[in-house]
Amino acid sequence: NQGVQFPIAEARIEIEAADLMRWEACRRFDAMEPCGAQANMAKHL
């Protein structure tokens, strides 16, 4: 049923998008670059 499929698919999309911001926050932190915005956005997403 699409009523079951779509919320699960929506959640998966959001998880994958959040994952990309996580990697950017990590990259900036490890490079000693300012990362406050990225860390906060990653946590929020």
PDB file of all heavy atoms in Angstrom:
ATOM      1  N   ASN A   1       0.829  -1.204   0.000  1.00  0.00           N
ATOM      2  CA  ASN A   1       0.000   0.000   0.000  1.00  0.00           C
ATOM      3  C   ASN A   1       0.864   1.255   0.000  1.00  0.00           C
ATOM      4  O   ASN A   1       1.812   1.372   0.779  1.00  0.00           O
ATOM      5  CB  ASN A   1      -0.899   0.016   1.246  1.00  0.00           C
ATOM      6  CG  ASN A   1      -1.830  -1.180   1.290  1.00  0.00           C
ATOM      7  OD1 ASN A   1      -2.620  -1.389   0.389  1.00  0.00           O
ATOM      8  ND2 ASN A   1      -1.712  -1.974   2.356  1.00  0.00           N
ATOM      9  N   GLN A   2       0.513   2.209  -0.857  1.00  0.00           N
ATOM     10  CA  GLN A   2       1.289   3.446  -0.918  1.00  0.00           C
ATOM     11  C   GLN A   2       1.220   4.218   0.393  1.00  0.00           C
ATOM     12  O   GLN A   2       2.173   4.913   0.766  1.00  0.00           O
ATOM     13  CB  GLN A   2       0.788   4.332  -2.070  1.00  0.00           C
ATOM     14  CG  GLN A   2       1.134   3.779  -3.444  1.00  0.00           C
ATOM     15  CD  GLN A   2       0.727   4.722  -4.563  1.00  0.00           C
ATOM     16  OE1 GLN A   2      -0.052   5.657  -4.355  1.00  0.00           O
ATOM     17  NE2 GLN A   2       1.241   4.474  -5.761  1.00  0.00           N
ATOM     18  N   GLY A   3       0.111   4.091   1.115  1.00  0.00           N
ATOM     19  CA  GLY A   3      -0.009   4.764   2.394  1.00  0.00           C
ATOM     20  C   GLY A   3       1.007   4.277   3.414  1.00  0.00           C
ATOM     21  O   GLY A   3       1.319   4.975   4.375  1.00  0.00           O
ATOM     22  N   VAL A   4       1.520   3.070   3.220  1.00  0.00           N
ATOM     23  CA  VAL A   4       2.595   2.537   4.056  1.00  0.00           C
ATOM     24  C   VAL A   4       3.955   2.850   3.430  1.00  0.00           C
ATOM     25  O   VAL A   4       4.900   3.262   4.109  1.00  0.00           O
ATOM     26  CB  VAL A   4       2.423   1.014   4.251  1.00  0.00           C
ATOM     27  CG1 VAL A   4       3.624   0.414   4.966  1.00  0.00           C
ATOM     28  CG2 VAL A   4       1.138   0.727   5.023  1.00  0.00           C
ATOM     29  N   GLN A   5       4.048   2.675   2.129  1.00  0.00           N
ATOM     30  CA  GLN A   5       5.322   2.862   1.434  1.00  0.00           C
ATOM     31  C   GLN A   5       5.852   4.289   1.549  1.00  0.00           C
ATOM     32  O   GLN A   5       7.046   4.511   1.830  1.00  0.00           O
ATOM     33  CB  GLN A   5       5.170   2.528  -0.051  1.00  0.00           C
ATOM     34  CG  GLN A   5       4.929   1.079  -0.375  1.00  0.00           C
ATOM     35  CD  GLN A   5       4.775   0.852  -1.865  1.00  0.00           C
ATOM     36  OE1 GLN A   5       4.810   1.800  -2.660  1.00  0.00           O
ATOM     37  NE2 GLN A   5       4.603  -0.410  -2.253  1.00  0.00           N
ATOM     38  N   PHE A   6       4.976   5.264   1.314  1.00  0.00           N
ATOM     39  CA  PHE A   6       5.452   6.632   1.143  1.00  0.00           C
ATOM     40  C   PHE A   6       6.056   7.239   2.409  1.00  0.00           C
ATOM     41  O   PHE A   6       7.124   7.884   2.333  1.00  0.00           O
ATOM     42  CB  PHE A   6       4.333   7.521   0.604  1.00  0.00           C
ATOM     43  CG  PHE A   6       3.995   7.260  -0.853  1.00  0.00           C
ATOM     44  CD1 PHE A   6       4.626   6.243  -1.570  1.00  0.00           C
ATOM     45  CD2 PHE A   6       3.048   8.023  -1.503  1.00  0.00           C
ATOM     46  CE1 PHE A   6       4.326   5.989  -2.889  1.00  0.00           C
ATOM     47  CE2 PHE A   6       2.737   7.784  -2.830  1.00  0.00           C
ATOM     48  CZ  PHE A   6       3.370   6.774  -3.532  1.00  0.00           C
ATOM     49  N   PRO A   7       5.454   7.073   3.587  1.00  0.00           N
ATOM     50  CA  PRO A   7       6.116   7.612   4.790  1.00  0.00           C
ATOM     51  C   PRO A   7       7.475   6.964   5.057  1.00  0.00           C
ATOM     52  O   PRO A   7       8.406   7.637   5.529  1.00  0.00           O
ATOM     53  CB  PRO A   7       5.116   7.310   5.912  1.00  0.00           C
ATOM     54  CG  PRO A   7       3.800   7.199   5.225  1.00  0.00           C
ATOM     55  CD  PRO A   7       4.104   6.578   3.900  1.00  0.00           C
ATOM     56  N   ILE A   8       7.585   5.670   4.759  1.00  0.00           N
ATOM     57  CA  ILE A   8       8.874   4.996   4.947  1.00  0.00           C
ATOM     58  C   ILE A   8       9.896   5.542   3.954  1.00  0.00           C
ATOM     59  O   ILE A   8      11.052   5.821   4.300  1.00  0.00           O
ATOM     60  CB  ILE A   8       8.720   3.469   4.796  1.00  0.00           C
ATOM     61  CG1 ILE A   8       7.721   2.929   5.825  1.00  0.00           C
ATOM     62  CG2 ILE A   8      10.071   2.785   4.960  1.00  0.00           C
ATOM     63  CD1 ILE A   8       7.384   1.457   5.625  1.00  0.00           C
ATOM     64  N   ALA A   9       9.475   5.695   2.701  1.00  0.00           N
ATOM     65  CA  ALA A   9      10.372   6.238   1.682  1.00  0.00           C
ATOM     66  C   ALA A   9      10.794   7.662   2.028  1.00  0.00           C
ATOM     67  O   ALA A   9      11.969   8.040   1.863  1.00  0.00           O
ATOM     68  CB  ALA A   9       9.692   6.203   0.315  1.00  0.00           C
ATOM     69  N   GLU A  10       9.841   8.461   2.519  1.00  0.00           N
ATOM     70  CA  GLU A  10      10.146   9.841   2.910  1.00  0.00           C
ATOM     71  C   GLU A  10      11.190   9.865   4.019  1.00  0.00           C
ATOM     72  O   GLU A  10      12.141  10.659   3.994  1.00  0.00           O
ATOM     73  CB  GLU A  10       8.867  10.536   3.372  1.00  0.00           C
ATOM     74  CG  GLU A  10       9.019  12.014   3.657  1.00  0.00           C
ATOM     75  CD  GLU A  10       9.031  12.870   2.397  1.00  0.00           C
ATOM     76  OE1 GLU A  10       8.420  12.458   1.395  1.00  0.00           O
ATOM     77  OE2 GLU A  10       9.671  13.937   2.427  1.00  0.00           O
ATOM     78  N   ALA A  11      11.038   8.983   4.999  1.00  0.00           N
ATOM     79  CA  ALA A  11      11.997   8.927   6.103  1.00  0.00           C
ATOM     80  C   ALA A  11      13.379   8.522   5.604  1.00  0.00           C
ATOM     81  O   ALA A  11      14.403   9.085   6.035  1.00  0.00           O
ATOM     82  CB  ALA A  11      11.511   7.949   7.170  1.00  0.00           C
ATOM     83  N   ARG A  12      13.423   7.556   4.690  1.00  0.00           N
ATOM     84  CA  ARG A  12      14.725   7.118   4.148  1.00  0.00           C
ATOM     85  C   ARG A  12      15.411   8.268   3.408  1.00  0.00           C
ATOM     86  O   ARG A  12      16.627   8.481   3.556  1.00  0.00           O
ATOM     87  CB  ARG A  12      14.516   5.923   3.228  1.00  0.00           C
ATOM     88  CG  ARG A  12      15.771   5.459   2.479  1.00  0.00           C
ATOM     89  CD  ARG A  12      16.906   5.050   3.435  1.00  0.00           C
ATOM     90  NE  ARG A  12      18.060   4.610   2.690  1.00  0.00           N
ATOM     91  CZ  ARG A  12      18.329   3.326   2.395  1.00  0.00           C
ATOM     92  NH1 ARG A  12      17.519   2.382   2.806  1.00  0.00           N
ATOM     93  NH2 ARG A  12      19.398   3.011   1.707  1.00  0.00           N
ATOM     94  N   ILE A  13      14.659   9.025   2.637  1.00  0.00           N
ATOM     95  CA  ILE A  13      15.242  10.161   1.923  1.00  0.00           C
ATOM     96  C   ILE A  13      15.836  11.166   2.906  1.00  0.00           C
ATOM     97  O   ILE A  13      16.955  11.667   2.717  1.00  0.00           O
ATOM     98  CB  ILE A  13      14.164  10.834   1.041  1.00  0.00           C
ATOM     99  CG1 ILE A  13      13.773   9.916  -0.125  1.00  0.00           C
ATOM    100  CG2 ILE A  13      14.659  12.180   0.495  1.00  0.00           C
ATOM    101  CD1 ILE A  13      12.523  10.361  -0.863  1.00  0.00           C
ATOM    102  N   GLU A  14      15.103  11.456   3.975  1.00  0.00           N
ATOM    103  CA  GLU A  14      15.576  12.422   4.961  1.00  0.00           C
ATOM    104  C   GLU A  14      16.819  11.921   5.689  1.00  0.00           C
ATOM    105  O   GLU A  14      17.730  12.702   6.005  1.00  0.00           O
ATOM    106  CB  GLU A  14      14.460  12.741   5.953  1.00  0.00           C
ATOM    107  CG  GLU A  14      13.303  13.517   5.334  1.00  0.00           C
ATOM    108  CD  GLU A  14      12.243  13.882   6.344  1.00  0.00           C
ATOM    109  OE1 GLU A  14      12.412  13.562   7.544  1.00  0.00           O
ATOM    110  OE2 GLU A  14      11.233  14.497   5.947  1.00  0.00           O
ATOM    111  N   ILE A  15      16.882  10.631   5.953  1.00  0.00           N
ATOM    112  CA  ILE A  15      18.065  10.069   6.618  1.00  0.00           C
ATOM    113  C   ILE A  15      19.295  10.207   5.727  1.00  0.00           C
ATOM    114  O   ILE A  15      20.378  10.606   6.181  1.00  0.00           O
ATOM    115  CB  ILE A  15      17.825   8.589   6.984  1.00  0.00           C
ATOM    116  CG1 ILE A  15      16.747   8.487   8.064  1.00  0.00           C
ATOM    117  CG2 ILE A  15      19.115   7.930   7.470  1.00  0.00           C
ATOM    118  CD1 ILE A  15      16.186   7.088   8.218  1.00  0.00           C
ATOM    119  N   GLU A  16      19.142   9.882   4.448  1.00  0.00           N
ATOM    120  CA  GLU A  16      20.282   9.974   3.534  1.00  0.00           C
ATOM    121  C   GLU A  16      20.740  11.426   3.387  1.00  0.00           C
ATOM    122  O   GLU A  16      21.949  11.706   3.300  1.00  0.00           O
ATOM    123  CB  GLU A  16      19.914   9.390   2.169  1.00  0.00           C
ATOM    124  CG  GLU A  16      19.631   7.890   2.184  1.00  0.00           C
ATOM    125  CD  GLU A  16      20.876   7.029   2.348  1.00  0.00           C
ATOM    126  OE1 GLU A  16      21.970   7.585   2.623  1.00  0.00           O
ATOM    127  OE2 GLU A  16      20.769   5.802   2.199  1.00  0.00           O
ATOM    128  N   ALA A  17      19.800  12.373   3.345  1.00  0.00           N
ATOM    129  CA  ALA A  17      20.167  13.786   3.235  1.00  0.00           C
ATOM    130  C   ALA A  17      20.906  14.250   4.493  1.00  0.00           C
ATOM    131  O   ALA A  17      21.909  14.972   4.410  1.00  0.00           O
ATOM    132  CB  ALA A  17      18.913  14.629   3.004  1.00  0.00           C
ATOM    133  N   ALA A  18      20.415  13.835   5.659  1.00  0.00           N
ATOM    134  CA  ALA A  18      21.082  14.188   6.913  1.00  0.00           C
ATOM    135  C   ALA A  18      22.493  13.617   6.954  1.00  0.00           C
ATOM    136  O   ALA A  18      23.419  14.250   7.486  1.00  0.00           O
ATOM    137  CB  ALA A  18      20.265  13.674   8.098  1.00  0.00           C
ATOM    138  N   ASP A  19      22.665  12.436   6.397  1.00  0.00           N
ATOM    139  CA  ASP A  19      23.971  11.784   6.391  1.00  0.00           C
ATOM    140  C   ASP A  19      24.992  12.636   5.638  1.00  0.00           C
ATOM    141  O   ASP A  19      26.155  12.747   6.049  1.00  0.00           O
ATOM    142  CB  ASP A  19      23.840  10.407   5.743  1.00  0.00           C
ATOM    143  CG  ASP A  19      24.985   9.487   6.117  1.00  0.00           C
ATOM    144  OD1 ASP A  19      25.634   9.723   7.153  1.00  0.00           O
ATOM    145  OD2 ASP A  19      25.228   8.514   5.378  1.00  0.00           O
ATOM    146  N   LEU A  20      24.583  13.249   4.545  1.00  0.00           N
ATOM    147  CA  LEU A  20      25.500  14.094   3.777  1.00  0.00           C
ATOM    148  C   LEU A  20      25.968  15.288   4.603  1.00  0.00           C
ATOM    149  O   LEU A  20      27.147  15.653   4.560  1.00  0.00           O
ATOM    150  CB  LEU A  20      24.816  14.567   2.491  1.00  0.00           C
ATOM    151  CG  LEU A  20      24.437  13.468   1.485  1.00  0.00           C
ATOM    152  CD1 LEU A  20      23.672  14.060   0.312  1.00  0.00           C
ATOM    153  CD2 LEU A  20      25.686  12.745   0.992  1.00  0.00           C
ATOM    154  N   MET A  21      25.076  15.903   5.352  1.00  0.00           N
ATOM    155  CA  MET A  21      25.473  17.026   6.202  1.00  0.00           C
ATOM    156  C   MET A  21      26.372  16.550   7.339  1.00  0.00           C
ATOM    157  O   MET A  21      27.288  17.265   7.762  1.00  0.00           O
ATOM    158  CB  MET A  21      24.234  17.739   6.750  1.00  0.00           C
ATOM    159  CG  MET A  21      24.557  18.982   7.561  1.00  0.00           C
ATOM    160  SD  MET A  21      25.500  20.240   6.657  1.00  0.00           S
ATOM    161  CE  MET A  21      24.201  20.939   5.637  1.00  0.00           C
ATOM    162  N   ARG A  22      26.136  15.339   7.839  1.00  0.00           N
ATOM    163  CA  ARG A  22      27.024  14.786   8.872  1.00  0.00           C
ATOM    164  C   ARG A  22      28.460  14.721   8.371  1.00  0.00           C
ATOM    165  O   ARG A  22      29.395  15.101   9.081  1.00  0.00           O
ATOM    166  CB  ARG A  22      26.521  13.396   9.302  1.00  0.00           C
ATOM    167  CG  ARG A  22      27.391  12.681  10.333  1.00  0.00           C
ATOM    168  CD  ARG A  22      28.428  11.733   9.687  1.00  0.00           C
ATOM    169  NE  ARG A  22      27.793  10.598   9.086  1.00  0.00           N
ATOM    170  CZ  ARG A  22      27.786   9.370   9.600  1.00  0.00           C
ATOM    171  NH1 ARG A  22      28.393   9.152  10.738  1.00  0.00           N
ATOM    172  NH2 ARG A  22      27.203   8.381   8.956  1.00  0.00           N
ATOM    173  N   TRP A  23      28.649  14.224   7.138  1.00  0.00           N
ATOM    174  CA  TRP A  23      30.000  14.088   6.604  1.00  0.00           C
ATOM    175  C   TRP A  23      30.661  15.453   6.421  1.00  0.00           C
ATOM    176  O   TRP A  23      31.869  15.609   6.653  1.00  0.00           O
ATOM    177  CB  TRP A  23      29.993  13.325   5.286  1.00  0.00           C
ATOM    178  CG  TRP A  23      29.588  11.899   5.431  1.00  0.00           C
ATOM    179  CD1 TRP A  23      28.510  11.284   4.861  1.00  0.00           C
ATOM    180  CD2 TRP A  23      30.233  10.883   6.221  1.00  0.00           C
ATOM    181  NE1 TRP A  23      28.441   9.974   5.240  1.00  0.00           N
ATOM    182  CE2 TRP A  23      29.487   9.691   6.072  1.00  0.00           C
ATOM    183  CE3 TRP A  23      31.359  10.873   7.038  1.00  0.00           C
ATOM    184  CZ2 TRP A  23      29.837   8.504   6.711  1.00  0.00           C
ATOM    185  CZ3 TRP A  23      31.709   9.696   7.681  1.00  0.00           C
ATOM    186  CH2 TRP A  23      30.957   8.534   7.512  1.00  0.00           C
ATOM    187  N   GLU A  24      29.883  16.456   6.023  1.00  0.00           N
ATOM    188  CA  GLU A  24      30.456  17.790   5.862  1.00  0.00           C
ATOM    189  C   GLU A  24      30.856  18.374   7.212  1.00  0.00           C
ATOM    190  O   GLU A  24      31.920  19.003   7.333  1.00  0.00           O
ATOM    191  CB  GLU A  24      29.451  18.708   5.158  1.00  0.00           C
ATOM    192  CG  GLU A  24      29.901  20.164   5.012  1.00  0.00           C
ATOM    193  CD  GLU A  24      31.174  20.356   4.186  1.00  0.00           C
ATOM    194  OE1 GLU A  24      31.663  19.375   3.576  1.00  0.00           O
ATOM    195  OE2 GLU A  24      31.690  21.485   4.175  1.00  0.00           O
ATOM    196  N   ALA A  25      30.042  18.168   8.235  1.00  0.00           N
ATOM    197  CA  ALA A  25      30.405  18.641   9.577  1.00  0.00           C
ATOM    198  C   ALA A  25      31.674  17.950  10.058  1.00  0.00           C
ATOM    199  O   ALA A  25      32.566  18.593  10.633  1.00  0.00           O
ATOM    200  CB  ALA A  25      29.252  18.390  10.545  1.00  0.00           C
ATOM    201  N   CYS A  26      31.777  16.647   9.835  1.00  0.00           N
ATOM    202  CA  CYS A  26      32.984  15.909  10.223  1.00  0.00           C
ATOM    203  C   CYS A  26      34.206  16.418   9.474  1.00  0.00           C
ATOM    204  O   CYS A  26      35.285  16.600  10.064  1.00  0.00           O
ATOM    205  CB  CYS A  26      32.794  14.417   9.962  1.00  0.00           C
ATOM    206  SG  CYS A  26      31.662  13.572  11.077  1.00  0.00           S
ATOM    207  N   ARG A  27      34.053  16.620   8.180  1.00  0.00           N
ATOM    208  CA  ARG A  27      35.185  17.086   7.371  1.00  0.00           C
ATOM    209  C   ARG A  27      35.715  18.413   7.899  1.00  0.00           C
ATOM    210  O   ARG A  27      36.932  18.591   8.071  1.00  0.00           O
ATOM    211  CB  ARG A  27      34.760  17.234   5.910  1.00  0.00           C
ATOM    212  CG  ARG A  27      35.907  17.625   4.975  1.00  0.00           C
ATOM    213  CD  ARG A  27      35.414  18.083   3.626  1.00  0.00           C
ATOM    214  NE  ARG A  27      34.703  19.352   3.696  1.00  0.00           N
ATOM    215  CZ  ARG A  27      35.308  20.537   3.817  1.00  0.00           C
ATOM    216  NH1 ARG A  27      36.624  20.622   3.895  1.00  0.00           N
ATOM    217  NH2 ARG A  27      34.590  21.646   3.853  1.00  0.00           N
ATOM    218  N   ARG A  28      34.818  19.339   8.161  1.00  0.00           N
ATOM    219  CA  ARG A  28      35.241  20.654   8.625  1.00  0.00           C
ATOM    220  C   ARG A  28      35.843  20.584  10.032  1.00  0.00           C
ATOM    221  O   ARG A  28      36.837  21.260  10.315  1.00  0.00           O
ATOM    222  CB  ARG A  28      34.059  21.626   8.584  1.00  0.00           C
ATOM    223  CG  ARG A  28      33.542  21.897   7.169  1.00  0.00           C
ATOM    224  CD  ARG A  28      32.350  22.835   7.191  1.00  0.00           C
ATOM    225  NE  ARG A  28      32.767  24.184   7.537  1.00  0.00           N
ATOM    226  CZ  ARG A  28      33.101  25.129   6.667  1.00  0.00           C
ATOM    227  NH1 ARG A  28      33.064  24.865   5.363  1.00  0.00           N
ATOM    228  NH2 ARG A  28      33.461  26.323   7.068  1.00  0.00           N
ATOM    229  N   PHE A  29      35.257  19.782  10.908  1.00  0.00           N
ATOM    230  CA  PHE A  29      35.811  19.645  12.260  1.00  0.00           C
ATOM    231  C   PHE A  29      37.219  19.069  12.203  1.00  0.00           C
ATOM    232  O   PHE A  29      38.136  19.586  12.848  1.00  0.00           O
ATOM    233  CB  PHE A  29      34.908  18.745  13.105  1.00  0.00           C
ATOM    234  CG  PHE A  29      35.340  18.626  14.545  1.00  0.00           C
ATOM    235  CD1 PHE A  29      34.818  19.483  15.504  1.00  0.00           C
ATOM    236  CD2 PHE A  29      36.262  17.664  14.947  1.00  0.00           C
ATOM    237  CE1 PHE A  29      35.217  19.388  16.840  1.00  0.00           C
ATOM    238  CE2 PHE A  29      36.663  17.561  16.272  1.00  0.00           C
ATOM    239  CZ  PHE A  29      36.137  18.424  17.220  1.00  0.00           C
ATOM    240  N   ASP A  30      37.402  18.012  11.424  1.00  0.00           N
ATOM    241  CA  ASP A  30      38.715  17.363  11.351  1.00  0.00           C
ATOM    242  C   ASP A  30      39.756  18.247  10.674  1.00  0.00           C
ATOM    243  O   ASP A  30      40.958  18.120  10.929  1.00  0.00           O
ATOM    244  CB  ASP A  30      38.595  16.024  10.613  1.00  0.00           C
ATOM    245  CG  ASP A  30      37.903  14.964  11.455  1.00  0.00           C
ATOM    246  OD1 ASP A  30      37.906  15.083  12.697  1.00  0.00           O
ATOM    247  OD2 ASP A  30      37.338  14.017  10.868  1.00  0.00           O
ATOM    248  N   ALA A  31      39.296  19.162   9.809  1.00  0.00           N
ATOM    249  CA  ALA A  31      40.201  20.088   9.133  1.00  0.00           C
ATOM    250  C   ALA A  31      40.433  21.351   9.945  1.00  0.00           C
ATOM    251  O   ALA A  31      41.106  22.277   9.471  1.00  0.00           O
ATOM    252  CB  ALA A  31      39.648  20.455   7.761  1.00  0.00           C
ATOM    253  N   MET A  32      39.889  21.410  11.168  1.00  0.00           N
ATOM    254  CA  MET A  32      40.004  22.571  12.056  1.00  0.00           C
ATOM    255  C   MET A  32      39.366  23.814  11.435  1.00  0.00           C
ATOM    256  O   MET A  32      39.789  24.945  11.680  1.00  0.00           O
ATOM    257  CB  MET A  32      41.473  22.840  12.405  1.00  0.00           C
ATOM    258  CG  MET A  32      42.206  21.671  13.017  1.00  0.00           C
ATOM    259  SD  MET A  32      41.738  21.380  14.750  1.00  0.00           S
ATOM    260  CE  MET A  32      42.626  22.696  15.579  1.00  0.00           C
ATOM    261  N   GLU A  33      38.349  23.618  10.607  1.00  0.00           N
ATOM    262  CA  GLU A  33      37.611  24.727  10.007  1.00  0.00           C
ATOM    263  C   GLU A  33      36.365  25.021  10.840  1.00  0.00           C
ATOM    264  O   GLU A  33      35.863  24.139  11.541  1.00  0.00           O
ATOM    265  CB  GLU A  33      37.190  24.375   8.572  1.00  0.00           C
ATOM    266  CG  GLU A  33      38.335  24.138   7.618  1.00  0.00           C
ATOM    267  CD  GLU A  33      37.857  23.686   6.243  1.00  0.00           C
ATOM    268  OE1 GLU A  33      36.628  23.707   6.001  1.00  0.00           O
ATOM    269  OE2 GLU A  33      38.703  23.309   5.417  1.00  0.00           O
ATOM    270  N   PRO A  34      35.840  26.245  10.772  1.00  0.00           N
ATOM    271  CA  PRO A  34      34.588  26.538  11.480  1.00  0.00           C
ATOM    272  C   PRO A  34      33.487  25.568  11.046  1.00  0.00           C
ATOM    273  O   PRO A  34      33.301  25.344   9.845  1.00  0.00           O
ATOM    274  CB  PRO A  34      34.270  27.974  11.058  1.00  0.00           C
ATOM    275  CG  PRO A  34      35.589  28.563  10.665  1.00  0.00           C
ATOM    276  CD  PRO A  34      36.370  27.429  10.058  1.00  0.00           C
ATOM    277  N   CYS A  35      32.792  24.996  12.016  1.00  0.00           N
ATOM    278  CA  CYS A  35      31.803  23.965  11.664  1.00  0.00           C
ATOM    279  C   CYS A  35      30.524  24.073  12.487  1.00  0.00           C
ATOM    280  O   CYS A  35      29.721  23.139  12.512  1.00  0.00           O
ATOM    281  CB  CYS A  35      32.410  22.572  11.831  1.00  0.00           C
ATOM    282  SG  CYS A  35      32.867  22.159  13.529  1.00  0.00           S
ATOM    283  N   GLY A  36      30.330  25.213  13.168  1.00  0.00           N
ATOM    284  CA  GLY A  36      29.152  25.354  13.998  1.00  0.00           C
ATOM    285  C   GLY A  36      27.859  25.191  13.224  1.00  0.00           C
ATOM    286  O   GLY A  36      26.938  24.491  13.664  1.00  0.00           O
ATOM    287  N   ALA A  37      27.763  25.830  12.067  1.00  0.00           N
ATOM    288  CA  ALA A  37      26.535  25.741  11.270  1.00  0.00           C
ATOM    289  C   ALA A  37      26.304  24.317  10.799  1.00  0.00           C
ATOM    290  O   ALA A  37      25.185  23.789  10.885  1.00  0.00           O
ATOM    291  CB  ALA A  37      26.621  26.692  10.077  1.00  0.00           C
ATOM    292  N   GLN A  38      27.359  23.678  10.320  1.00  0.00           N
ATOM    293  CA  GLN A  38      27.211  22.323   9.789  1.00  0.00           C
ATOM    294  C   GLN A  38      26.871  21.320  10.901  1.00  0.00           C
ATOM    295  O   GLN A  38      26.041  20.431  10.703  1.00  0.00           O
ATOM    296  CB  GLN A  38      28.491  21.898   9.068  1.00  0.00           C
ATOM    297  CG  GLN A  38      28.770  22.652   7.781  1.00  0.00           C
ATOM    298  CD  GLN A  38      29.270  24.075   8.007  1.00  0.00           C
ATOM    299  OE1 GLN A  38      29.739  24.416   9.101  1.00  0.00           O
ATOM    300  NE2 GLN A  38      29.175  24.909   6.995  1.00  0.00           N
ATOM    301  N   ALA A  39      27.500  21.468  12.061  1.00  0.00           N
ATOM    302  CA  ALA A  39      27.211  20.566  13.179  1.00  0.00           C
ATOM    303  C   ALA A  39      25.762  20.711  13.628  1.00  0.00           C
ATOM    304  O   ALA A  39      25.070  19.717  13.883  1.00  0.00           O
ATOM    305  CB  ALA A  39      28.156  20.845  14.343  1.00  0.00           C
ATOM    306  N   ASN A  40      25.292  21.945  13.724  1.00  0.00           N
ATOM    307  CA  ASN A  40      23.914  22.176  14.132  1.00  0.00           C
ATOM    308  C   ASN A  40      22.925  21.670  13.090  1.00  0.00           C
ATOM    309  O   ASN A  40      21.909  21.053  13.421  1.00  0.00           O
ATOM    310  CB  ASN A  40      23.687  23.668  14.386  1.00  0.00           C
ATOM    311  CG  ASN A  40      24.139  24.102  15.767  1.00  0.00           C
ATOM    312  OD1 ASN A  40      23.550  23.724  16.765  1.00  0.00           O
ATOM    313  ND2 ASN A  40      25.201  24.890  15.828  1.00  0.00           N
ATOM    314  N   MET A  41      23.206  21.924  11.820  1.00  0.00           N
ATOM    315  CA  MET A  41      22.314  21.469  10.760  1.00  0.00           C
ATOM    316  C   MET A  41      22.266  19.948  10.697  1.00  0.00           C
ATOM    317  O   MET A  41      21.196  19.354  10.507  1.00  0.00           O
ATOM    318  CB  MET A  41      22.765  22.037   9.410  1.00  0.00           C
ATOM    319  CG  MET A  41      22.556  23.523   9.246  1.00  0.00           C
ATOM    320  SD  MET A  41      23.158  24.065   7.619  1.00  0.00           S
ATOM    321  CE  MET A  41      22.874  25.834   7.737  1.00  0.00           C
ATOM    322  N   ALA A  42      23.424  19.316  10.834  1.00  0.00           N
ATOM    323  CA  ALA A  42      23.457  17.854  10.798  1.00  0.00           C
ATOM    324  C   ALA A  42      22.630  17.266  11.929  1.00  0.00           C
ATOM    325  O   ALA A  42      21.844  16.327  11.726  1.00  0.00           O
ATOM    326  CB  ALA A  42      24.907  17.365  10.888  1.00  0.00           C
ATOM    327  N   LYS A  43      22.777  17.827  13.119  1.00  0.00           N
ATOM    328  CA  LYS A  43      22.025  17.322  14.259  1.00  0.00           C
ATOM    329  C   LYS A  43      20.531  17.530  14.052  1.00  0.00           C
ATOM    330  O   LYS A  43      19.706  16.647  14.332  1.00  0.00           O
ATOM    331  CB  LYS A  43      22.511  18.012  15.535  1.00  0.00           C
ATOM    332  CG  LYS A  43      22.028  17.365  16.831  1.00  0.00           C
ATOM    333  CD  LYS A  43      20.746  17.975  17.321  1.00  0.00           C
ATOM    334  CE  LYS A  43      20.277  17.352  18.622  1.00  0.00           C
ATOM    335  NZ  LYS A  43      19.017  17.966  19.116  1.00  0.00           N
ATOM    336  N   HIS A  44      20.151  18.689  13.552  1.00  0.00           N
ATOM    337  CA  HIS A  44      18.738  18.991  13.318  1.00  0.00           C
ATOM    338  C   HIS A  44      18.130  18.039  12.290  1.00  0.00           C
ATOM    339  O   HIS A  44      17.070  17.447  12.520  1.00  0.00           O
ATOM    340  CB  HIS A  44      18.609  20.437  12.835  1.00  0.00           C
ATOM    341  CG  HIS A  44      17.213  20.837  12.493  1.00  0.00           C
ATOM    342  ND1 HIS A  44      16.284  21.209  13.439  1.00  0.00           N
ATOM    343  CD2 HIS A  44      16.563  20.917  11.301  1.00  0.00           C
ATOM    344  CE1 HIS A  44      15.140  21.500  12.857  1.00  0.00           C
ATOM    345  NE2 HIS A  44      15.283  21.332  11.559  1.00  0.00           N
ATOM    346  N   LEU A  45      18.801  17.897  11.164  1.00  0.00           N
ATOM    347  CA  LEU A  45      18.277  17.044  10.098  1.00  0.00           C
ATOM    348  C   LEU A  45      18.200  15.580  10.532  1.00  0.00           C
ATOM    349  O   LEU A  45      17.212  14.884  10.247  1.00  0.00           O
ATOM    350  CB  LEU A  45      19.162  17.169   8.850  1.00  0.00           C
ATOM    351  CG  LEU A  45      19.110  18.511   8.110  1.00  0.00           C
ATOM    352  CD1 LEU A  45      20.193  18.554   7.039  1.00  0.00           C
ATOM    353  CD2 LEU A  45      17.745  18.738   7.479  1.00  0.00           C
TER     354      LEU A  45
END
